[in-house]
Amino acid sequence: NNLHLMKRFLAILAIILLAQAITDKEIIQQALNGLFEENKLPDPTTIVPCIDDDTAHKLVVFGGEVLEKAAKGSIADLVSLVALIKGFGDQIPQSVSDCLDGNKEFEALGLKYGIDNNTDTDALEKKIITYVTLHYLEVHKWFGDLNTNWKAGKYYQVGYDGGSYGHKVLGSSVSIPNPT
């Protein structure tokens, strides 16, 4: 009788846990909602539909790995994440890239950080690396907090806080002109 009761309990527990599981696309949407709301923008509706399930899974796994490495990393480790992220970006399927190309929601978000199609990406990268180098302890703490929230399933908070930290690094609506 106790065995029967235990089986029922475990079955109910399994159903509850499965009901709480969210998809990779939902994780991405929650993080984007936090990021956009931190920037006083409406929740995005055109980004996640561009991402196929396989790419969504890769993005979620990669995001967790980056936060884990950043939370434990030295200055050199943090700076090396730039190349790692660029390399991952090169693996995004062309169909996803094409769908997101010229996305108005991403453009609106970029403008909140002073980033547009004319932004000098080398200057932007240097600005980020300089900030990380000069404020390593602060940035290290940020990544630790983001990683803790990510592991706890607080994806909205990761997006929201990440957006706030982005403004500390890049400023607000201050463009980095392209010297060409």
N, C-alpha and C. Protein backbone atom coordinates (compact mmCIF):
# COMPACT_ATOMS: atom_id res chain seq x y z
N ASN A 1 0.82 -1.19 0.00
CA ASN A 1 0.00 0.00 0.00
C ASN A 1 0.87 1.26 0.00
N ASN A 2 1.94 1.26 0.80
CA ASN A 2 2.85 2.41 0.82
C ASN A 2 3.54 2.59 -0.53
N LEU A 3 3.85 1.47 -1.19
CA LEU A 3 4.49 1.53 -2.50
C LEU A 3 3.54 2.17 -3.52
N HIS A 4 2.27 1.80 -3.45
CA HIS A 4 1.26 2.36 -4.34
C HIS A 4 1.12 3.87 -4.11
N LEU A 5 1.10 4.28 -2.86
CA LEU A 5 1.01 5.68 -2.50
C LEU A 5 2.24 6.45 -2.98
N MET A 6 3.42 5.85 -2.84
CA MET A 6 4.66 6.48 -3.28
C MET A 6 4.66 6.66 -4.80
N LYS A 7 4.17 5.66 -5.53
CA LYS A 7 4.11 5.76 -7.00
C LYS A 7 3.19 6.91 -7.42
N ARG A 8 2.06 7.03 -6.76
CA ARG A 8 1.14 8.14 -7.07
C ARG A 8 1.78 9.49 -6.79
N PHE A 9 2.45 9.59 -5.66
CA PHE A 9 3.12 10.83 -5.29
C PHE A 9 4.17 11.21 -6.33
N LEU A 10 4.98 10.23 -6.74
CA LEU A 10 6.02 10.49 -7.74
C LEU A 10 5.42 10.86 -9.09
N ALA A 11 4.30 10.24 -9.45
CA ALA A 11 3.63 10.57 -10.71
C ALA A 11 3.12 12.00 -10.68
N ILE A 12 2.52 12.40 -9.58
CA ILE A 12 2.02 13.77 -9.44
C ILE A 12 3.18 14.76 -9.46
N LEU A 13 4.26 14.43 -8.77
CA LEU A 13 5.44 15.29 -8.76
C LEU A 13 6.01 15.45 -10.17
N ALA A 14 6.08 14.36 -10.92
CA ALA A 14 6.59 14.42 -12.29
C ALA A 14 5.72 15.30 -13.16
N ILE A 15 4.41 15.19 -13.02
CA ILE A 15 3.48 16.02 -13.80
C ILE A 15 3.67 17.50 -13.46
N ILE A 16 3.81 17.81 -12.20
CA ILE A 16 4.03 19.20 -11.78
C ILE A 16 5.32 19.74 -12.37
N LEU A 17 6.39 18.96 -12.29
CA LEU A 17 7.68 19.41 -12.81
C LEU A 17 7.64 19.60 -14.31
N LEU A 18 7.00 18.69 -15.03
CA LEU A 18 6.90 18.81 -16.48
C LEU A 18 6.03 20.00 -16.88
N ALA A 19 5.00 20.27 -16.11
CA ALA A 19 4.12 21.40 -16.40
C ALA A 19 4.85 22.73 -16.24
N GLN A 20 5.87 22.74 -15.39
CA GLN A 20 6.61 23.97 -15.17
C GLN A 20 7.76 24.16 -16.15
N ALA A 21 8.09 23.12 -16.92
CA ALA A 21 9.18 23.21 -17.88
C ALA A 21 8.78 24.18 -18.99
N ILE A 22 9.71 25.04 -19.36
CA ILE A 22 9.43 25.97 -20.44
C ILE A 22 10.37 25.67 -21.60
N THR A 23 9.95 26.07 -22.77
CA THR A 23 10.74 25.80 -23.97
C THR A 23 11.89 26.79 -24.08
N ASP A 24 12.84 26.46 -24.93
CA ASP A 24 13.97 27.36 -25.17
C ASP A 24 13.49 28.69 -25.74
N LYS A 25 12.50 28.64 -26.61
CA LYS A 25 11.96 29.89 -27.17
C LYS A 25 11.32 30.75 -26.08
N GLU A 26 10.65 30.10 -25.12
CA GLU A 26 10.05 30.85 -24.01
C GLU A 26 11.13 31.47 -23.13
N ILE A 27 12.23 30.77 -22.95
CA ILE A 27 13.36 31.32 -22.18
C ILE A 27 13.88 32.56 -22.88
N ILE A 28 14.09 32.47 -24.18
CA ILE A 28 14.59 33.61 -24.95
C ILE A 28 13.60 34.76 -24.88
N GLN A 29 12.30 34.47 -25.02
CA GLN A 29 11.29 35.52 -24.97
C GLN A 29 11.29 36.21 -23.61
N GLN A 30 11.39 35.43 -22.53
CA GLN A 30 11.41 36.03 -21.19
C GLN A 30 12.61 36.96 -21.02
N ALA A 31 13.78 36.51 -21.47
CA ALA A 31 14.98 37.34 -21.35
C ALA A 31 14.84 38.61 -22.19
N LEU A 32 14.30 38.46 -23.40
CA LEU A 32 14.08 39.64 -24.25
C LEU A 32 13.07 40.59 -23.62
N ASN A 33 12.00 40.05 -23.04
CA ASN A 33 11.01 40.91 -22.38
C ASN A 33 11.67 41.75 -21.30
N GLY A 34 12.53 41.14 -20.48
CA GLY A 34 13.24 41.90 -19.45
C GLY A 34 14.12 42.97 -20.05
N LEU A 35 14.87 42.62 -21.08
CA LEU A 35 15.77 43.56 -21.74
C LEU A 35 14.99 44.73 -22.34
N PHE A 36 13.91 44.44 -23.04
CA PHE A 36 13.13 45.49 -23.69
C PHE A 36 12.41 46.35 -22.66
N GLU A 37 11.85 45.73 -21.62
CA GLU A 37 11.15 46.51 -20.60
C GLU A 37 12.11 47.41 -19.83
N GLU A 38 13.34 46.94 -19.59
CA GLU A 38 14.33 47.79 -18.93
C GLU A 38 14.59 49.03 -19.78
N ASN A 39 14.45 48.90 -21.06
CA ASN A 39 14.69 50.01 -21.99
C ASN A 39 13.42 50.76 -22.36
N LYS A 40 12.35 50.52 -21.59
CA LYS A 40 11.06 51.20 -21.80
C LYS A 40 10.50 50.96 -23.20
N LEU A 41 10.72 49.76 -23.70
CA LEU A 41 10.18 49.36 -25.00
C LEU A 41 9.14 48.26 -24.79
N PRO A 42 8.17 48.15 -25.69
CA PRO A 42 7.20 47.06 -25.55
C PRO A 42 7.88 45.70 -25.73
N ASP A 43 7.30 44.67 -25.14
CA ASP A 43 7.84 43.32 -25.31
C ASP A 43 7.93 43.02 -26.81
N PRO A 44 9.04 42.47 -27.25
CA PRO A 44 9.19 42.18 -28.68
C PRO A 44 8.31 41.02 -29.12
N THR A 45 7.81 41.11 -30.34
CA THR A 45 6.94 40.06 -30.87
C THR A 45 7.46 39.47 -32.18
N THR A 46 8.50 40.06 -32.75
CA THR A 46 8.96 39.63 -34.08
C THR A 46 10.31 38.91 -34.06
N ILE A 47 10.94 38.80 -32.91
CA ILE A 47 12.28 38.22 -32.85
C ILE A 47 12.23 36.70 -32.69
N VAL A 48 11.59 36.23 -31.65
CA VAL A 48 11.57 34.78 -31.37
C VAL A 48 10.95 33.97 -32.52
N PRO A 49 9.90 34.47 -33.20
CA PRO A 49 9.37 33.69 -34.32
C PRO A 49 10.38 33.43 -35.45
N CYS A 50 11.44 34.21 -35.51
CA CYS A 50 12.48 34.00 -36.52
C CYS A 50 13.42 32.85 -36.16
N ILE A 51 13.39 32.42 -34.92
CA ILE A 51 14.38 31.45 -34.43
C ILE A 51 13.77 30.05 -34.44
N ASP A 52 14.43 29.13 -35.16
CA ASP A 52 13.96 27.74 -35.17
C ASP A 52 14.31 27.07 -33.84
N ASP A 53 13.69 25.94 -33.58
CA ASP A 53 13.87 25.25 -32.30
C ASP A 53 15.32 24.85 -32.03
N ASP A 54 16.01 24.36 -33.06
CA ASP A 54 17.40 23.94 -32.89
C ASP A 54 18.29 25.12 -32.52
N THR A 55 18.11 26.24 -33.22
CA THR A 55 18.89 27.45 -32.92
C THR A 55 18.53 27.99 -31.54
N ALA A 56 17.26 27.94 -31.18
CA ALA A 56 16.83 28.41 -29.85
C ALA A 56 17.54 27.60 -28.77
N HIS A 57 17.59 26.29 -28.96
CA HIS A 57 18.26 25.44 -27.97
C HIS A 57 19.75 25.80 -27.87
N LYS A 58 20.39 25.97 -29.02
CA LYS A 58 21.81 26.32 -29.02
C LYS A 58 22.04 27.67 -28.34
N LEU A 59 21.14 28.63 -28.57
CA LEU A 59 21.26 29.95 -27.94
C LEU A 59 21.15 29.86 -26.42
N VAL A 60 20.19 29.09 -25.94
CA VAL A 60 19.98 28.96 -24.50
C VAL A 60 21.17 28.27 -23.85
N VAL A 61 21.65 27.19 -24.45
CA VAL A 61 22.81 26.48 -23.91
C VAL A 61 24.03 27.40 -23.93
N PHE A 62 24.25 28.07 -25.05
CA PHE A 62 25.40 28.97 -25.18
C PHE A 62 25.32 30.11 -24.17
N GLY A 63 24.13 30.69 -24.01
CA GLY A 63 23.95 31.77 -23.04
C GLY A 63 24.32 31.33 -21.63
N GLY A 64 23.89 30.15 -21.26
CA GLY A 64 24.24 29.61 -19.94
C GLY A 64 25.73 29.39 -19.79
N GLU A 65 26.36 28.87 -20.85
CA GLU A 65 27.81 28.63 -20.81
C GLU A 65 28.59 29.93 -20.71
N VAL A 66 28.17 30.94 -21.46
CA VAL A 66 28.86 32.24 -21.41
C VAL A 66 28.74 32.85 -20.02
N LEU A 67 27.55 32.83 -19.45
CA LEU A 67 27.38 33.39 -18.10
C LEU A 67 28.20 32.63 -17.08
N GLU A 68 28.26 31.32 -17.20
CA GLU A 68 29.06 30.50 -16.28
C GLU A 68 30.54 30.88 -16.39
N LYS A 69 31.05 30.97 -17.61
CA LYS A 69 32.46 31.33 -17.82
C LYS A 69 32.74 32.75 -17.33
N ALA A 70 31.83 33.66 -17.65
CA ALA A 70 32.03 35.06 -17.26
C ALA A 70 31.99 35.22 -15.74
N ALA A 71 31.15 34.45 -15.08
CA ALA A 71 31.02 34.55 -13.62
C ALA A 71 32.29 34.08 -12.91
N LYS A 72 33.02 33.18 -13.55
CA LYS A 72 34.22 32.60 -12.93
C LYS A 72 35.50 33.16 -13.51
N GLY A 73 35.41 34.00 -14.52
CA GLY A 73 36.57 34.38 -15.30
C GLY A 73 37.40 35.53 -14.79
N SER A 74 38.64 35.54 -15.27
CA SER A 74 39.57 36.65 -15.04
C SER A 74 39.27 37.73 -16.08
N ILE A 75 40.01 38.83 -16.03
CA ILE A 75 39.85 39.88 -17.04
C ILE A 75 40.10 39.29 -18.43
N ALA A 76 41.17 38.52 -18.58
CA ALA A 76 41.50 37.92 -19.87
C ALA A 76 40.37 36.99 -20.34
N ASP A 77 39.79 36.24 -19.41
CA ASP A 77 38.68 35.35 -19.76
C ASP A 77 37.48 36.15 -20.26
N LEU A 78 37.18 37.25 -19.58
CA LEU A 78 36.05 38.07 -19.99
C LEU A 78 36.28 38.67 -21.37
N VAL A 79 37.48 39.17 -21.61
CA VAL A 79 37.81 39.76 -22.91
C VAL A 79 37.74 38.69 -24.00
N SER A 80 38.15 37.46 -23.68
CA SER A 80 38.13 36.39 -24.68
C SER A 80 36.71 35.98 -25.06
N LEU A 81 35.73 36.34 -24.25
CA LEU A 81 34.34 36.02 -24.57
C LEU A 81 33.87 36.75 -25.82
N VAL A 82 34.49 37.90 -26.13
CA VAL A 82 34.11 38.64 -27.33
C VAL A 82 34.29 37.75 -28.56
N ALA A 83 35.45 37.12 -28.68
CA ALA A 83 35.72 36.24 -29.83
C ALA A 83 34.80 35.02 -29.81
N LEU A 84 34.55 34.48 -28.63
CA LEU A 84 33.67 33.32 -28.49
C LEU A 84 32.26 33.66 -28.97
N ILE A 85 31.77 34.82 -28.57
CA ILE A 85 30.43 35.25 -28.96
C ILE A 85 30.36 35.51 -30.47
N LYS A 86 31.39 36.15 -31.01
CA LYS A 86 31.43 36.38 -32.46
C LYS A 86 31.41 35.05 -33.21
N GLY A 87 32.20 34.10 -32.73
CA GLY A 87 32.25 32.79 -33.37
C GLY A 87 30.91 32.09 -33.33
N PHE A 88 30.21 32.22 -32.22
CA PHE A 88 28.88 31.61 -32.12
C PHE A 88 27.93 32.30 -33.10
N GLY A 89 28.02 33.61 -33.18
CA GLY A 89 27.16 34.36 -34.10
C GLY A 89 27.32 33.90 -35.54
N ASP A 90 28.53 33.50 -35.90
CA ASP A 90 28.79 33.00 -37.25
C ASP A 90 28.10 31.67 -37.51
N GLN A 91 27.67 30.98 -36.46
CA GLN A 91 27.02 29.67 -36.61
C GLN A 91 25.50 29.77 -36.72
N ILE A 92 24.97 30.97 -36.59
CA ILE A 92 23.52 31.15 -36.69
C ILE A 92 23.11 30.84 -38.14
N PRO A 93 22.11 30.01 -38.35
CA PRO A 93 21.69 29.67 -39.71
C PRO A 93 21.31 30.92 -40.52
N GLN A 94 21.59 30.86 -41.81
CA GLN A 94 21.31 32.00 -42.69
C GLN A 94 19.83 32.37 -42.66
N SER A 95 18.96 31.37 -42.57
CA SER A 95 17.52 31.65 -42.55
C SER A 95 17.13 32.50 -41.34
N VAL A 96 17.75 32.24 -40.20
CA VAL A 96 17.47 33.03 -38.99
C VAL A 96 18.05 34.43 -39.16
N SER A 97 19.28 34.52 -39.66
CA SER A 97 19.91 35.83 -39.89
C SER A 97 19.09 36.66 -40.86
N ASP A 98 18.62 36.04 -41.94
CA ASP A 98 17.82 36.76 -42.93
C ASP A 98 16.52 37.27 -42.32
N CYS A 99 15.88 36.46 -41.51
CA CYS A 99 14.63 36.84 -40.87
C CYS A 99 14.83 38.02 -39.91
N LEU A 100 15.96 38.03 -39.20
CA LEU A 100 16.23 39.08 -38.22
C LEU A 100 16.86 40.33 -38.84
N ASP A 101 17.35 40.21 -40.07
CA ASP A 101 18.01 41.34 -40.73
C ASP A 101 17.03 42.50 -40.87
N GLY A 102 17.41 43.66 -40.37
CA GLY A 102 16.56 44.83 -40.44
C GLY A 102 15.39 44.81 -39.47
N ASN A 103 15.43 43.94 -38.47
CA ASN A 103 14.34 43.84 -37.50
C ASN A 103 14.18 45.16 -36.75
N LYS A 104 12.99 45.72 -36.83
CA LYS A 104 12.71 47.04 -36.25
C LYS A 104 12.83 47.04 -34.72
N GLU A 105 12.48 45.92 -34.09
CA GLU A 105 12.58 45.85 -32.63
C GLU A 105 14.04 45.86 -32.19
N PHE A 106 14.90 45.11 -32.89
CA PHE A 106 16.33 45.14 -32.58
C PHE A 106 16.91 46.53 -32.85
N GLU A 107 16.45 47.16 -33.93
CA GLU A 107 16.94 48.51 -34.24
C GLU A 107 16.57 49.49 -33.13
N ALA A 108 15.33 49.42 -32.65
CA ALA A 108 14.88 50.31 -31.56
C ALA A 108 15.70 50.06 -30.30
N LEU A 109 15.98 48.80 -30.01
CA LEU A 109 16.79 48.46 -28.85
C LEU A 109 18.20 49.01 -29.01
N GLY A 110 18.80 48.81 -30.16
CA GLY A 110 20.15 49.31 -30.41
C GLY A 110 20.25 50.81 -30.20
N LEU A 111 19.24 51.54 -30.65
CA LEU A 111 19.24 52.99 -30.49
C LEU A 111 19.26 53.41 -29.03
N LYS A 112 18.67 52.60 -28.16
CA LYS A 112 18.69 52.90 -26.72
C LYS A 112 20.12 52.88 -26.16
N TYR A 113 21.01 52.18 -26.87
CA TYR A 113 22.41 52.10 -26.46
C TYR A 113 23.32 52.91 -27.39
N GLY A 114 22.71 53.69 -28.28
CA GLY A 114 23.49 54.49 -29.21
C GLY A 114 24.10 53.67 -30.33
N ILE A 115 23.50 52.54 -30.64
CA ILE A 115 24.03 51.66 -31.68
C ILE A 115 23.06 51.65 -32.86
N ASP A 116 23.61 51.93 -34.04
CA ASP A 116 22.81 51.84 -35.26
C ASP A 116 23.66 51.25 -36.37
N ASN A 117 23.16 51.28 -37.59
CA ASN A 117 23.87 50.67 -38.71
C ASN A 117 25.19 51.37 -39.03
N ASN A 118 25.38 52.58 -38.53
CA ASN A 118 26.62 53.32 -38.79
C ASN A 118 27.64 53.20 -37.66
N THR A 119 27.32 52.46 -36.63
CA THR A 119 28.22 52.32 -35.48
C THR A 119 29.48 51.56 -35.88
N ASP A 120 30.60 52.09 -35.48
CA ASP A 120 31.90 51.44 -35.71
C ASP A 120 32.02 50.30 -34.70
N THR A 121 31.91 49.07 -35.19
CA THR A 121 31.92 47.92 -34.28
C THR A 121 33.27 47.74 -33.59
N ASP A 122 34.36 48.14 -34.24
CA ASP A 122 35.67 48.05 -33.59
C ASP A 122 35.74 49.01 -32.40
N ALA A 123 35.23 50.23 -32.59
CA ALA A 123 35.22 51.21 -31.50
C ALA A 123 34.30 50.74 -30.37
N LEU A 124 33.19 50.13 -30.74
CA LEU A 124 32.26 49.61 -29.74
C LEU A 124 32.93 48.50 -28.92
N GLU A 125 33.61 47.60 -29.60
CA GLU A 125 34.31 46.51 -28.92
C GLU A 125 35.39 47.05 -27.99
N LYS A 126 36.13 48.04 -28.44
CA LYS A 126 37.18 48.65 -27.60
C LYS A 126 36.57 49.30 -26.36
N LYS A 127 35.42 49.96 -26.54
CA LYS A 127 34.76 50.60 -25.41
C LYS A 127 34.36 49.56 -24.36
N ILE A 128 33.83 48.43 -24.82
CA ILE A 128 33.41 47.36 -23.90
C ILE A 128 34.62 46.77 -23.19
N ILE A 129 35.67 46.47 -23.94
CA ILE A 129 36.88 45.89 -23.35
C ILE A 129 37.51 46.84 -22.35
N THR A 130 37.53 48.12 -22.68
CA THR A 130 38.09 49.12 -21.76
C THR A 130 37.29 49.15 -20.46
N TYR A 131 35.96 49.15 -20.58
CA TYR A 131 35.13 49.18 -19.38
C TYR A 131 35.37 47.94 -18.52
N VAL A 132 35.38 46.78 -19.16
CA VAL A 132 35.60 45.52 -18.43
C VAL A 132 36.95 45.55 -17.72
N THR A 133 37.96 46.05 -18.40
CA THR A 133 39.31 46.09 -17.82
C THR A 133 39.37 47.05 -16.63
N LEU A 134 38.76 48.21 -16.77
CA LEU A 134 38.84 49.22 -15.71
C LEU A 134 37.88 48.95 -14.55
N HIS A 135 36.84 48.17 -14.79
CA HIS A 135 35.82 47.92 -13.77
C HIS A 135 35.62 46.42 -13.55
N TYR A 136 36.71 45.68 -13.57
CA TYR A 136 36.63 44.22 -13.54
C TYR A 136 35.81 43.69 -12.36
N LEU A 137 36.06 44.15 -11.16
CA LEU A 137 35.36 43.61 -9.99
C LEU A 137 33.85 43.83 -10.09
N GLU A 138 33.46 45.01 -10.56
CA GLU A 138 32.04 45.31 -10.73
C GLU A 138 31.42 44.39 -11.79
N VAL A 139 32.10 44.25 -12.94
CA VAL A 139 31.60 43.42 -14.03
C VAL A 139 31.55 41.95 -13.60
N HIS A 140 32.56 41.53 -12.88
CA HIS A 140 32.61 40.14 -12.39
C HIS A 140 31.40 39.86 -11.50
N LYS A 141 31.06 40.81 -10.64
CA LYS A 141 29.88 40.65 -9.77
C LYS A 141 28.60 40.60 -10.60
N TRP A 142 28.52 41.47 -11.62
CA TRP A 142 27.34 41.45 -12.48
C TRP A 142 27.13 40.07 -13.08
N PHE A 143 28.21 39.53 -13.65
CA PHE A 143 28.10 38.22 -14.29
C PHE A 143 27.77 37.13 -13.28
N GLY A 144 28.29 37.25 -12.07
CA GLY A 144 27.94 36.30 -11.02
C GLY A 144 26.45 36.34 -10.72
N ASP A 145 25.91 37.56 -10.61
CA ASP A 145 24.48 37.73 -10.34
C ASP A 145 23.63 37.22 -11.51
N LEU A 146 24.04 37.56 -12.73
CA LEU A 146 23.31 37.10 -13.91
C LEU A 146 23.31 35.57 -13.99
N ASN A 147 24.47 34.98 -13.72
CA ASN A 147 24.59 33.52 -13.77
C ASN A 147 23.70 32.86 -12.71
N THR A 148 23.68 33.43 -11.51
CA THR A 148 22.82 32.90 -10.44
C THR A 148 21.35 32.95 -10.86
N ASN A 149 20.94 34.09 -11.42
CA ASN A 149 19.55 34.22 -11.86
C ASN A 149 19.23 33.27 -13.01
N TRP A 150 20.18 33.11 -13.94
CA TRP A 150 19.97 32.20 -15.07
C TRP A 150 19.75 30.77 -14.57
N LYS A 151 20.62 30.35 -13.67
CA LYS A 151 20.51 28.99 -13.13
C LYS A 151 19.21 28.79 -12.35
N ALA A 152 18.68 29.88 -11.78
CA ALA A 152 17.44 29.81 -11.01
C ALA A 152 16.20 29.93 -11.91
N GLY A 153 16.42 30.07 -13.22
CA GLY A 153 15.30 30.20 -14.15
C GLY A 153 14.67 31.57 -14.17
N LYS A 154 15.39 32.57 -13.69
CA LYS A 154 14.88 33.95 -13.66
C LYS A 154 15.35 34.68 -14.92
N TYR A 155 14.85 34.23 -16.07
CA TYR A 155 15.33 34.73 -17.36
C TYR A 155 14.93 36.18 -17.61
N TYR A 156 13.73 36.55 -17.19
CA TYR A 156 13.30 37.94 -17.31
C TYR A 156 14.28 38.84 -16.57
N GLN A 157 14.64 38.45 -15.35
CA GLN A 157 15.55 39.25 -14.53
C GLN A 157 16.92 39.35 -15.18
N VAL A 158 17.38 38.26 -15.80
CA VAL A 158 18.66 38.28 -16.50
C VAL A 158 18.61 39.33 -17.61
N GLY A 159 17.53 39.33 -18.38
CA GLY A 159 17.40 40.32 -19.45
C GLY A 159 17.33 41.73 -18.92
N TYR A 160 16.53 41.92 -17.88
CA TYR A 160 16.35 43.25 -17.30
C TYR A 160 17.68 43.78 -16.73
N ASP A 161 18.32 42.97 -15.90
CA ASP A 161 19.58 43.40 -15.28
C ASP A 161 20.67 43.56 -16.33
N GLY A 162 20.72 42.63 -17.29
CA GLY A 162 21.71 42.73 -18.35
C GLY A 162 21.55 44.01 -19.14
N GLY A 163 20.31 44.41 -19.38
CA GLY A 163 20.05 45.67 -20.08
C GLY A 163 20.55 46.87 -19.29
N SER A 164 20.35 46.83 -17.99
CA SER A 164 20.82 47.91 -17.11
C SER A 164 22.35 47.98 -17.11
N TYR A 165 22.98 46.80 -17.01
CA TYR A 165 24.45 46.77 -17.02
C TYR A 165 24.98 47.27 -18.36
N GLY A 166 24.27 46.94 -19.43
CA GLY A 166 24.68 47.41 -20.75
C GLY A 166 24.73 48.92 -20.83
N HIS A 167 23.79 49.59 -20.17
CA HIS A 167 23.80 51.05 -20.15
C HIS A 167 24.98 51.59 -19.35
N LYS A 168 25.36 50.89 -18.30
CA LYS A 168 26.52 51.34 -17.52
C LYS A 168 27.79 51.25 -18.36
N VAL A 169 27.86 50.25 -19.24
CA VAL A 169 29.03 50.08 -20.09
C VAL A 169 28.98 51.02 -21.29
N LEU A 170 27.84 51.10 -21.95
CA LEU A 170 27.73 51.83 -23.22
C LEU A 170 27.11 53.20 -23.10
N GLY A 171 26.45 53.48 -21.99
CA GLY A 171 25.75 54.74 -21.87
C GLY A 171 24.34 54.60 -22.43
N SER A 172 23.65 55.70 -22.51
CA SER A 172 22.29 55.70 -23.02
C SER A 172 22.19 56.60 -24.23
N SER A 173 21.81 56.02 -25.35
CA SER A 173 21.57 56.77 -26.58
C SER A 173 22.70 57.71 -26.94
N VAL A 174 23.92 57.31 -26.67
CA VAL A 174 25.09 58.08 -27.09
C VAL A 174 25.73 57.28 -28.21
N SER A 175 25.71 57.83 -29.41
CA SER A 175 26.20 57.05 -30.54
C SER A 175 27.72 57.06 -30.59
N ILE A 176 28.24 55.98 -31.11
CA ILE A 176 29.68 55.86 -31.37
C ILE A 176 29.80 56.00 -32.88
N PRO A 177 30.21 57.17 -33.37
CA PRO A 177 30.20 57.40 -34.81
C PRO A 177 31.21 56.51 -35.55
N ASN A 178 30.87 56.21 -36.78
CA ASN A 178 31.77 55.47 -37.65
C ASN A 178 32.68 56.49 -38.32
N PRO A 179 34.00 56.34 -38.20
CA PRO A 179 34.91 57.35 -38.72
C PRO A 179 35.03 57.38 -40.24
N THR A 180 34.33 56.51 -40.94
CA THR A 180 34.45 56.48 -42.41
C THR A 180 33.60 57.52 -43.08
